[in-house]
Amino acid sequence: MSKKINVLAFAAHPDDVEISISGIMLKHKAAGLTTGIIDLTGGELGTRGSAELRAEESAKAARILNLDIRENLGFRDGFFETDERHLLEVVKMIRKYQPDIMLINAESDRHPDHGRAHELVKRAAFLAGLVKIKTSVDNTDQSPWRPQTLYSYIQDYHLEPDIVVDVTAFWERRMESLMAYSSQFYNPASGEAETPISTTGFLKHIEGRSHQFGRLINVTHAEGLRKVRPVGVDLLTHLL
């Protein structure tokens, strides 16, 4: 039986999670929870690097984040769709790891794959709980499973967070996981074409946003999440 993952993040591309919520992943792992990432594509259409290099970089980032699992579904970068084939592959991952919390790409962002990944995984999270949808992995039938909560993370476009998480204590390691993708982010030794995320300005944007979100809760660095479904609690004090 596969290891249960408490906090499972889905990403259109390797590095989406590291850009957006690697501090949150580190913090929950340090709290004793199991964590993992499912990348939908290899990011093979990216201007810099290659699918092979990005696979090496994502493995390095996974070690820095101390993830329990990381898988790549091998969908075509730029061309995956919210259709039955892709939905069922995501359903299999949800049932395989039975997450309590799922984190997904933003509903709208600079890269159109992010919004499409949001819709794909959100729909799969619902379908994974339906008894009449049959799936199997390694010749073993899977049981229905639906996560208790589903949040989207904020990546490039500014979106107002519904939840802000203090990641100050994990900031340096969080940035170390991001810079594991040396082909994608600022590297003065690179001779490849510059992209919107390979400039020093983008790294300053990441840090500036962490300060902006941190200011909302009076901490130095924070990361934000948006609710995809209503959050149910027994008492309002549980939100404190």
Protein backbone atom coordinates (compact mmCIF):
# COMPACT_ATOMS: atom_id res chain seq x y z
CA MET A 1 0.00 0.00 0.00
CA SER A 2 1.27 3.49 -0.86
CA LYS A 3 2.23 5.86 1.92
CA LYS A 4 -0.54 8.23 2.95
CA ILE A 5 0.37 11.86 2.29
CA ASN A 6 -1.18 14.47 4.58
CA VAL A 7 -0.34 17.49 2.40
CA LEU A 8 -0.19 16.82 -1.35
CA ALA A 9 0.60 19.62 -3.81
CA PHE A 10 -0.10 19.40 -7.53
CA ALA A 11 1.78 21.53 -10.05
CA ALA A 12 1.56 22.12 -13.78
CA HIS A 13 5.37 22.28 -13.94
CA PRO A 14 8.34 21.33 -11.79
CA ASP A 15 9.21 24.50 -9.80
CA ASP A 16 5.61 25.81 -9.48
CA VAL A 17 5.46 24.62 -5.86
CA GLU A 18 8.97 25.87 -5.07
CA ILE A 19 8.09 29.33 -6.42
CA SER A 20 4.85 29.56 -4.51
CA ILE A 21 4.59 27.48 -1.32
CA SER A 22 7.85 25.68 -0.58
CA GLY A 23 7.89 27.33 2.84
CA ILE A 24 4.47 25.88 3.60
CA MET A 25 5.65 22.43 2.52
CA LEU A 26 8.74 22.66 4.74
CA LYS A 27 6.72 23.88 7.72
CA HIS A 28 4.20 21.07 7.55
CA LYS A 29 6.92 18.47 7.14
CA ALA A 30 8.68 19.88 10.23
CA ALA A 31 5.38 19.53 12.11
CA GLY A 32 5.50 15.78 11.54
CA LEU A 33 3.12 15.56 8.58
CA THR A 34 3.82 13.67 5.37
CA THR A 35 4.22 15.84 2.28
CA GLY A 36 4.47 15.27 -1.45
CA ILE A 37 4.31 16.85 -4.90
CA ILE A 38 2.75 15.57 -8.12
CA ASP A 39 4.07 17.44 -11.17
CA LEU A 40 1.78 17.15 -14.17
CA THR A 41 4.42 17.84 -16.86
CA GLY A 42 8.19 17.91 -17.23
CA GLY A 43 8.18 21.57 -18.22
CA GLU A 44 9.75 20.57 -21.51
CA LEU A 45 8.52 23.67 -23.38
CA GLY A 46 10.40 26.03 -21.06
CA THR A 47 12.81 28.37 -22.83
CA ARG A 48 15.72 27.38 -20.59
CA GLY A 49 17.02 23.95 -19.70
CA SER A 50 15.52 20.64 -20.82
CA ALA A 51 13.10 18.06 -19.51
CA GLU A 52 16.04 15.87 -18.42
CA LEU A 53 17.75 18.71 -16.56
CA ARG A 54 14.52 19.82 -14.93
CA ALA A 55 13.94 16.26 -13.72
CA GLU A 56 17.35 16.36 -12.02
CA GLU A 57 16.56 19.76 -10.53
CA SER A 58 13.16 18.68 -9.22
CA ALA A 59 14.76 15.63 -7.55
CA LYS A 60 17.28 17.94 -5.88
CA ALA A 61 14.50 20.27 -4.72
CA ALA A 62 12.55 17.28 -3.37
CA ARG A 63 15.54 16.33 -1.20
CA ILE A 64 15.84 19.88 0.12
CA LEU A 65 12.11 19.92 0.93
CA ASN A 66 12.41 16.47 2.53
CA LEU A 67 9.35 15.28 0.63
CA ASP A 68 7.94 11.83 1.25
CA ILE A 69 7.03 11.42 -2.42
CA ARG A 70 7.37 13.24 -5.73
CA GLU A 71 5.94 11.95 -8.98
CA ASN A 72 5.63 13.31 -12.51
CA LEU A 73 2.62 12.29 -14.60
CA GLY A 74 4.35 13.06 -17.90
CA PHE A 75 1.50 15.08 -19.39
CA ARG A 76 2.45 17.16 -22.44
CA ASP A 77 3.61 20.60 -21.37
CA GLY A 78 1.31 23.20 -22.90
CA PHE A 79 -1.13 20.65 -24.33
CA PHE A 80 -2.74 18.72 -21.46
CA GLU A 81 -6.51 19.08 -21.26
CA THR A 82 -9.30 18.60 -18.77
CA ASP A 83 -10.53 15.44 -20.44
CA GLU A 84 -11.29 11.93 -19.24
CA ARG A 85 -7.79 10.54 -19.74
CA HIS A 86 -6.04 13.30 -17.81
CA LEU A 87 -8.71 13.45 -15.12
CA LEU A 88 -8.42 9.73 -14.41
CA GLU A 89 -4.64 9.91 -14.09
CA VAL A 90 -5.01 12.61 -11.44
CA VAL A 91 -7.80 10.64 -9.74
CA LYS A 92 -5.39 7.69 -9.46
CA MET A 93 -2.83 9.86 -7.65
CA ILE A 94 -5.43 11.22 -5.23
CA ARG A 95 -6.66 7.73 -4.41
CA LYS A 96 -3.12 6.38 -4.23
CA TYR A 97 -1.92 8.89 -1.62
CA GLN A 98 -5.23 9.76 0.09
CA PRO A 99 -4.30 13.36 1.01
CA ASP A 100 -6.14 15.27 3.71
CA ILE A 101 -5.06 18.61 2.22
CA MET A 102 -4.48 19.33 -1.46
CA LEU A 103 -2.73 22.42 -2.81
CA ILE A 104 -3.15 23.33 -6.49
CA ASN A 105 -2.15 25.97 -9.03
CA ALA A 106 -3.91 29.35 -9.09
CA GLU A 107 -7.17 29.67 -11.00
CA SER A 108 -5.66 32.46 -13.12
CA ASP A 109 -2.00 33.23 -13.77
CA ARG A 110 0.50 34.47 -16.37
CA HIS A 111 1.12 30.96 -17.71
CA PRO A 112 -2.12 29.47 -19.09
CA ASP A 113 -1.07 25.97 -17.96
CA HIS A 114 -1.52 27.09 -14.35
CA GLY A 115 -5.21 27.90 -14.73
CA ARG A 116 -5.80 24.70 -16.73
CA ALA A 117 -4.02 22.65 -14.05
CA HIS A 118 -6.22 24.30 -11.42
CA GLU A 119 -9.40 23.24 -13.22
CA LEU A 120 -8.09 19.75 -14.00
CA VAL A 121 -7.04 18.90 -10.46
CA LYS A 122 -10.07 20.57 -8.85
CA ARG A 123 -12.41 18.43 -10.95
CA ALA A 124 -10.35 15.29 -10.29
CA ALA A 125 -10.54 15.93 -6.54
CA PHE A 126 -14.32 15.67 -6.77
CA LEU A 127 -14.36 12.70 -9.13
CA ALA A 128 -11.92 10.79 -6.92
CA GLY A 129 -14.65 10.51 -4.29
CA LEU A 130 -17.24 8.92 -6.59
CA VAL A 131 -17.79 5.21 -5.93
CA LYS A 132 -18.79 4.38 -9.50
CA ILE A 133 -15.54 5.63 -11.02
CA LYS A 134 -13.25 2.60 -11.07
CA THR A 135 -9.46 2.94 -11.14
CA SER A 136 -6.52 0.71 -10.37
CA VAL A 137 -2.76 1.10 -9.87
CA ASP A 138 -0.35 -1.82 -10.22
CA ASN A 139 -3.29 -4.18 -10.81
CA THR A 140 -4.84 -3.19 -7.48
CA ASP A 141 -8.33 -1.67 -7.38
CA GLN A 142 -8.47 1.72 -5.67
CA SER A 143 -10.99 2.98 -3.13
CA PRO A 144 -12.75 6.33 -3.49
CA TRP A 145 -11.05 9.25 -1.74
CA ARG A 146 -11.73 12.97 -1.53
CA PRO A 147 -9.46 15.42 0.34
CA GLN A 148 -10.93 17.27 3.30
CA THR A 149 -9.67 20.65 2.10
CA LEU A 150 -8.49 22.12 -1.19
CA TYR A 151 -6.53 25.37 -1.56
CA SER A 152 -4.85 27.11 -4.48
CA TYR A 153 -1.50 28.83 -4.19
CA ILE A 154 -0.45 32.23 -5.48
CA GLN A 155 2.33 32.19 -8.05
CA ASP A 156 2.87 35.06 -10.50
CA TYR A 157 -0.22 37.27 -10.69
CA HIS A 158 -1.14 39.06 -7.49
CA LEU A 159 -4.20 37.46 -5.90
CA GLU A 160 -5.60 38.25 -2.48
CA PRO A 161 -4.94 35.36 -0.05
CA ASP A 162 -7.64 33.88 2.17
CA ILE A 163 -5.04 32.18 4.38
CA VAL A 164 -1.56 33.46 5.20
CA VAL A 165 1.07 31.13 6.69
CA ASP A 166 4.16 32.31 8.57
CA VAL A 167 7.22 30.72 6.93
CA THR A 168 9.89 32.96 8.43
CA ALA A 169 11.76 30.12 10.13
CA PHE A 170 11.97 28.22 6.81
CA TRP A 171 12.80 31.07 4.47
CA GLU A 172 16.44 30.26 3.73
CA ARG A 173 15.75 26.60 3.03
CA ARG A 174 12.68 27.55 1.02
CA MET A 175 14.84 29.71 -1.24
CA GLU A 176 17.42 26.93 -1.45
CA SER A 177 14.74 24.64 -2.87
CA LEU A 178 13.85 27.28 -5.44
CA MET A 179 17.44 27.78 -6.52
CA ALA A 180 17.78 24.02 -7.08
CA TYR A 181 16.32 24.96 -10.47
CA SER A 182 19.53 26.64 -11.56
CA SER A 183 18.51 26.44 -15.22
CA GLN A 184 15.34 28.44 -14.64
CA PHE A 185 16.24 31.22 -12.23
CA TYR A 186 18.94 33.87 -12.07
CA ASN A 187 22.29 32.39 -13.04
CA PRO A 188 24.92 34.84 -14.37
CA ALA A 189 26.84 31.91 -15.88
CA SER A 190 23.92 30.89 -18.11
CA GLY A 191 24.14 31.71 -21.80
CA GLU A 192 20.49 30.89 -22.48
CA ALA A 193 17.80 33.42 -23.34
CA GLU A 194 16.39 35.47 -20.49
CA THR A 195 12.82 34.75 -19.36
CA PRO A 196 10.40 36.54 -17.01
CA ILE A 197 11.55 34.31 -14.13
CA SER A 198 15.32 34.25 -14.80
CA THR A 199 16.01 37.86 -13.81
CA THR A 200 17.18 39.14 -10.44
CA GLY A 201 13.94 41.12 -10.39
CA PHE A 202 11.86 37.96 -10.18
CA LEU A 203 13.70 36.77 -7.07
CA LYS A 204 13.15 40.21 -5.54
CA HIS A 205 9.46 39.83 -6.39
CA ILE A 206 9.32 36.50 -4.53
CA GLU A 207 10.89 38.03 -1.44
CA GLY A 208 8.83 41.21 -1.66
CA ARG A 209 5.59 39.25 -1.81
CA SER A 210 6.64 37.24 1.23
CA HIS A 211 7.14 40.50 3.13
CA GLN A 212 3.81 41.82 1.88
CA PHE A 213 1.94 38.70 3.03
CA GLY A 214 3.98 38.64 6.23
CA ARG A 215 2.91 42.18 7.06
CA LEU A 216 -0.71 41.02 7.10
CA ILE A 217 0.02 38.81 10.11
CA ASN A 218 2.97 40.76 11.56
CA VAL A 219 5.75 38.34 10.60
CA THR A 220 8.77 38.68 8.31
CA HIS A 221 7.97 36.09 5.61
CA ALA A 222 4.65 34.46 4.73
CA GLU A 223 2.99 32.58 1.87
CA GLY A 224 -0.64 32.82 0.83
CA LEU A 225 -3.38 30.39 -0.13
CA ARG A 226 -6.85 30.83 -1.55
CA LYS A 227 -9.80 28.63 -0.64
CA VAL A 228 -11.23 26.55 -3.46
CA ARG A 229 -14.05 25.12 -1.36
CA PRO A 230 -15.63 26.49 1.84
CA VAL A 231 -13.66 25.60 4.94
CA GLY A 232 -15.74 23.85 7.61
CA VAL A 233 -14.93 24.13 11.32
CA ASP A 234 -16.75 23.19 14.53
CA LEU A 235 -15.80 26.40 16.35
CA LEU A 236 -14.41 29.70 15.08
CA THR A 237 -11.65 29.37 17.67
CA HIS A 238 -10.22 26.51 15.60
CA LEU A 239 -9.21 29.14 13.06
CA LEU A 240 -7.09 31.05 15.59
